[in-house]
Protein backbone atom coordinates (compact mmCIF):
# COMPACT_ATOMS: atom_id res chain seq x y z
CA UNK A 1 -20.29 -20.65 -80.08
CA UNK A 2 -16.99 -18.95 -79.31
CA UNK A 3 -14.03 -21.28 -78.77
CA UNK A 4 -12.06 -20.34 -75.65
CA UNK A 5 -9.85 -23.39 -75.44
CA UNK A 6 -6.74 -21.50 -76.59
CA UNK A 7 -6.88 -19.00 -73.74
CA UNK A 8 -4.29 -19.95 -71.13
CA UNK A 9 -4.09 -18.91 -67.54
CA UNK A 10 -1.68 -19.82 -64.79
CA UNK A 11 -1.28 -23.54 -64.28
CA UNK A 12 -2.22 -25.11 -60.97
CA UNK A 13 1.44 -25.93 -60.37
CA UNK A 14 2.44 -22.29 -60.81
CA UNK A 15 -0.40 -21.16 -58.56
CA UNK A 16 0.61 -23.60 -55.82
CA UNK A 17 4.25 -22.53 -56.02
CA UNK A 18 3.24 -18.86 -55.98
CA UNK A 19 1.01 -19.43 -52.95
CA UNK A 20 3.83 -21.27 -51.22
CA UNK A 21 6.27 -18.42 -51.88
CA UNK A 22 3.74 -15.78 -50.75
CA UNK A 23 3.28 -17.65 -47.47
CA UNK A 24 6.97 -18.38 -46.92
CA UNK A 25 8.34 -14.87 -47.53
CA UNK A 26 6.62 -13.26 -44.48
CA UNK A 27 7.28 -16.48 -42.54
CA UNK A 28 10.97 -16.13 -43.41
CA UNK A 29 11.00 -12.50 -42.25
CA UNK A 30 9.36 -13.38 -38.92
CA UNK A 31 11.65 -16.39 -38.53
CA UNK A 32 14.70 -14.23 -39.22
CA UNK A 33 13.65 -11.60 -36.69
CA UNK A 34 13.04 -14.22 -33.99
CA UNK A 35 16.28 -15.93 -34.93
CA UNK A 36 18.27 -12.71 -34.51
CA UNK A 37 16.79 -12.01 -31.08
CA UNK A 38 17.02 -15.61 -29.89
CA UNK A 39 20.59 -16.29 -31.02
CA UNK A 40 21.92 -12.96 -29.73
CA UNK A 41 20.29 -13.40 -26.31
CA UNK A 42 21.47 -17.00 -26.09
CA UNK A 43 25.04 -16.10 -27.03
CA UNK A 44 25.04 -13.14 -24.65
CA UNK A 45 24.02 -15.32 -21.71
CA UNK A 46 26.59 -17.94 -22.68
CA UNK A 47 29.41 -15.41 -22.97
CA UNK A 48 28.43 -13.68 -19.73
CA UNK A 49 28.60 -17.00 -17.91
CA UNK A 50 32.02 -17.64 -19.47
CA UNK A 51 33.29 -14.23 -18.31
CA UNK A 52 31.89 -14.78 -14.82
CA UNK A 53 33.46 -18.22 -14.48
CA UNK A 54 36.82 -16.90 -15.70
CA UNK A 55 36.82 -14.10 -13.12
CA UNK A 56 35.89 -16.50 -10.33
CA UNK A 57 38.62 -18.85 -11.55
CA UNK A 58 41.18 -16.03 -11.41
CA UNK A 59 40.08 -15.19 -7.86
CA UNK A 60 40.65 -18.83 -6.90
CA UNK A 61 44.18 -18.53 -8.31
CA UNK A 62 44.81 -15.59 -5.98
CA UNK A 63 43.32 -17.45 -3.02
CA UNK A 64 45.59 -20.40 -3.77
CA UNK A 65 48.63 -18.11 -3.81
CA UNK A 66 47.49 -16.49 -0.56
CA UNK A 67 47.05 -19.91 1.02
CA UNK A 68 50.73 -20.61 0.34
CA UNK A 69 51.81 -17.65 2.46
CA UNK A 70 54.16 -19.92 4.36
CA UNK A 71 56.06 -20.43 1.09
CA UNK A 72 55.33 -17.20 -0.79
CA UNK A 73 55.36 -13.77 0.82
CA UNK A 74 52.10 -11.83 0.47
CA UNK A 75 53.73 -9.14 -1.66
CA UNK A 76 55.27 -11.80 -3.86
CA UNK A 77 51.91 -13.56 -4.18
CA UNK A 78 50.35 -10.33 -5.45
CA UNK A 79 53.24 -9.86 -7.86
CA UNK A 80 52.76 -13.37 -9.26
CA UNK A 81 49.01 -12.84 -9.48
CA UNK A 82 49.46 -9.47 -11.23
CA UNK A 83 51.72 -11.08 -13.81
CA UNK A 84 49.08 -13.77 -14.36
CA UNK A 85 46.30 -11.16 -14.74
CA UNK A 86 48.29 -9.10 -17.24
CA UNK A 87 49.26 -11.98 -19.50
CA UNK A 88 46.46 -14.54 -19.34
CA UNK A 89 43.85 -14.59 -22.14
CA UNK A 90 40.91 -16.94 -22.43
CA UNK A 91 39.72 -15.52 -25.78
CA UNK A 92 40.71 -12.89 -28.36
CA UNK A 93 39.67 -10.00 -26.11
CA UNK A 94 39.18 -12.01 -22.93
CA UNK A 95 41.63 -10.33 -20.57
CA UNK A 96 41.46 -9.30 -16.89
CA UNK A 97 41.98 -6.01 -15.10
CA UNK A 98 42.86 -5.53 -11.45
CA UNK A 99 42.38 -2.28 -9.49
CA UNK A 100 42.65 -1.20 -5.88
CA UNK A 101 39.66 0.45 -4.25
CA UNK A 102 41.06 3.93 -4.98
CA UNK A 103 40.93 3.29 -8.72
CA UNK A 104 44.65 2.66 -9.19
CA UNK A 105 45.63 0.01 -11.72
CA UNK A 106 47.42 -2.99 -10.22
CA UNK A 107 47.44 -5.04 -13.42
CA UNK A 108 45.97 -4.44 -16.86
CA UNK A 109 46.68 -5.77 -20.34
CA UNK A 110 46.78 -2.36 -22.03
CA UNK A 111 47.08 0.21 -19.24
CA UNK A 112 50.26 0.94 -17.22
CA UNK A 113 50.43 -0.12 -13.57
CA UNK A 114 49.91 2.71 -11.09
CA UNK A 115 47.57 4.77 -13.31
CA UNK A 116 44.75 6.28 -11.26
CA UNK A 117 41.44 6.17 -13.15
CA UNK A 118 39.12 6.87 -10.23
CA UNK A 119 37.83 10.09 -11.78
CA UNK A 120 38.09 8.90 -15.38
CA UNK A 121 34.91 9.45 -17.38
CA UNK A 122 34.02 7.78 -20.65
CA UNK A 123 30.95 9.15 -22.44
CA UNK A 124 29.87 10.83 -19.20
CA UNK A 125 30.17 7.63 -17.14
CA UNK A 126 32.53 7.29 -14.17
CA UNK A 127 34.14 4.05 -15.24
CA UNK A 128 35.95 2.92 -12.09
CA UNK A 129 33.55 4.52 -9.63
CA UNK A 130 30.71 2.45 -11.10
CA UNK A 131 32.79 -0.69 -10.64
CA UNK A 132 33.58 0.19 -7.05
CA UNK A 133 29.93 0.94 -6.23
CA UNK A 134 28.92 -2.39 -7.70
CA UNK A 135 31.46 -4.52 -5.83
CA UNK A 136 30.77 -2.69 -2.55
CA UNK A 137 27.02 -3.20 -2.84
CA UNK A 138 27.16 -6.78 -4.12
CA UNK A 139 29.64 -9.16 -2.46
CA UNK A 140 28.93 -11.79 -5.14
CA UNK A 141 29.94 -9.41 -7.88
CA UNK A 142 27.91 -8.36 -10.88
CA UNK A 143 27.86 -7.03 -14.42
CA UNK A 144 28.46 -3.43 -15.38
CA UNK A 145 27.98 -1.78 -18.80
CA UNK A 146 30.47 0.79 -20.08
CA UNK A 147 32.49 1.91 -23.10
CA UNK A 148 36.14 1.05 -23.59
CA UNK A 149 38.86 0.73 -26.23
CA UNK A 150 40.03 -2.54 -27.77
CA UNK A 151 43.62 -3.68 -27.56
CA UNK A 152 46.58 -1.36 -27.44
CA UNK A 153 46.68 1.77 -29.59
CA UNK A 154 43.01 1.63 -30.60
CA UNK A 155 41.30 4.90 -29.68
CA UNK A 156 37.81 3.84 -30.75
CA UNK A 157 35.29 3.24 -27.96
CA UNK A 158 33.16 0.10 -28.02
CA UNK A 159 30.23 -0.96 -25.80
CA UNK A 160 31.34 -3.53 -23.27
CA UNK A 161 29.85 -5.53 -20.42
CA UNK A 162 32.06 -6.86 -17.64
CA UNK A 163 31.72 -9.04 -14.59
CA UNK A 164 33.57 -7.56 -11.64
CA UNK A 165 34.08 -8.76 -8.08
CA UNK A 166 35.91 -7.66 -4.99
CA UNK A 167 39.00 -9.52 -3.78
CA UNK A 168 39.39 -9.09 -0.06
CA UNK A 169 38.86 -5.51 1.08
CA UNK A 170 41.30 -3.62 -1.07
CA UNK A 171 41.05 -4.88 -4.67
CA UNK A 172 38.56 -5.76 -7.36
CA UNK A 173 39.00 -7.78 -10.52
CA UNK A 174 36.97 -7.82 -13.71
CA UNK A 175 36.78 -9.07 -17.26
CA UNK A 176 34.31 -8.44 -20.03
CA UNK A 177 33.15 -8.90 -23.57
CA UNK A 178 32.60 -6.41 -26.38
CA UNK A 179 29.00 -6.31 -27.53
CA UNK A 180 29.83 -5.46 -31.14
CA UNK A 181 31.97 -8.61 -31.41
CA UNK A 182 29.09 -10.60 -29.98
CA UNK A 183 26.68 -9.10 -32.52
CA UNK A 184 29.08 -9.93 -35.35
CA UNK A 185 29.39 -13.54 -34.16
CA UNK A 186 25.62 -13.83 -33.79
CA UNK A 187 25.04 -12.33 -37.25
CA UNK A 188 27.52 -14.76 -38.83
CA UNK A 189 25.64 -17.68 -37.29
CA UNK A 190 22.27 -16.21 -38.33
CA UNK A 191 23.43 -15.80 -41.94
CA UNK A 192 24.52 -19.45 -42.04
CA UNK A 193 21.17 -20.58 -40.68
CA UNK A 194 19.24 -18.36 -43.10
CA UNK A 195 21.23 -19.73 -46.04
CA UNK A 196 20.32 -23.25 -44.94
CA UNK A 197 16.69 -22.17 -44.55
CA UNK A 198 16.56 -20.54 -48.01
CA UNK A 199 18.15 -23.60 -49.62
CA UNK A 200 15.56 -25.76 -47.86
CA UNK A 201 12.77 -23.53 -49.24
CA UNK A 202 14.18 -23.82 -52.77
CA UNK A 203 14.36 -27.61 -52.46
CA UNK A 204 10.77 -27.65 -51.17
CA UNK A 205 9.63 -25.59 -54.17
CA UNK A 206 11.39 -28.00 -56.53
CA UNK A 207 9.83 -30.97 -54.73
CA UNK A 208 6.42 -29.31 -54.82
CA UNK A 209 6.80 -28.68 -58.56
CA UNK A 210 7.71 -32.33 -59.19
CA UNK A 211 4.86 -33.67 -57.04
CA UNK A 212 2.21 -31.36 -58.50
CA UNK A 213 3.44 -32.11 -62.01
CA UNK A 214 3.05 -35.82 -61.38
CA UNK A 215 -0.35 -35.40 -59.79
CA UNK A 216 -1.63 -33.11 -62.55
CA UNK A 217 -0.30 -35.17 -65.45
CA UNK A 218 -3.63 -37.09 -65.80
CA UNK A 219 -5.49 -33.76 -65.90
CA UNK A 220 -3.23 -32.52 -68.70
CA UNK A 221 -3.94 -35.76 -70.56
CA UNK A 222 -7.70 -35.34 -70.01
CA UNK A 223 -7.50 -31.74 -71.18
CA UNK A 224 -5.86 -32.75 -74.46
CA UNK A 225 -8.56 -35.40 -75.10
CA UNK A 226 -11.38 -32.95 -74.30
CA UNK A 227 -9.90 -30.35 -76.63
CA UNK A 228 -10.22 -32.88 -79.45
CA UNK A 229 -13.78 -33.72 -78.31
CA UNK A 230 -14.67 -30.00 -78.35
CA UNK A 231 -13.58 -29.96 -81.98
CA UNK A 232 -16.07 -32.74 -82.79
CA UNK A 233 -13.87 -35.85 -82.49
CA UNK A 234 -16.08 -38.15 -80.40
CA UNK A 235 -13.88 -41.21 -80.93
CA UNK A 236 -11.41 -40.21 -78.21
CA UNK A 237 -11.37 -42.14 -74.94
CA UNK A 238 -9.83 -41.13 -71.63
CA UNK A 239 -7.63 -43.91 -70.30
CA UNK A 240 -7.17 -43.02 -66.61
CA UNK A 241 -7.23 -46.07 -64.34
CA UNK A 242 -6.44 -44.59 -60.94
CA UNK A 243 -8.90 -44.95 -58.07
CA UNK A 244 -8.49 -41.45 -56.70
CA UNK A 245 -10.64 -38.37 -57.40
CA UNK A 246 -9.01 -37.81 -60.80
CA UNK A 247 -9.74 -41.43 -61.80
CA UNK A 248 -13.38 -40.98 -60.72
CA UNK A 249 -13.59 -37.77 -62.74
């Protein structure tokens, strides 16, 4: 009779860990994909609401100045408001822009006052005309997508989404966010979450190894006894006193 006791295959512990890894890798990929989509969409909605509330807040500042017409002349109120629009920031790139309905800049962080951009086109899109169409068709304001530069002196164009709204009959105000910055922020958060997830998987594998090793220890003991029995030593006894399936075996 041929002795096959020296032939070794994969242990149950290794098989369980391998099965766990095989299951978790595609699960991690699916989880990562859903995480990317979910976090980006969530952050986009949050930032859009922030932009919208900031624009509405700025409009309330102008209305407050207008309401004090008995103290401040209307021209002076617009001058004060323009100064506020040009200098106020609520985030790194969270600035306002103010135009009249002919596309002339009243106040802008990076563009000179009086510049007429009505016919300006960026990547084939009429930038200001799209804003004007939006505010004329929607009194509550709305979001418009376009391309624009960042900060002063930067010639690179970046995708941007802005909330814009009409003020009275002769002006509109807007502010926006750069989508590439949003994607970078979302990716940074996703990487942190994935690191936590991977660390958790590693800890689970270690825990699984410890648990399976403890559970399979009686089987290893039984195997050693039975190897001696297979060699003809019938004096060996298996001392397993548990009441589970291994003890019954």
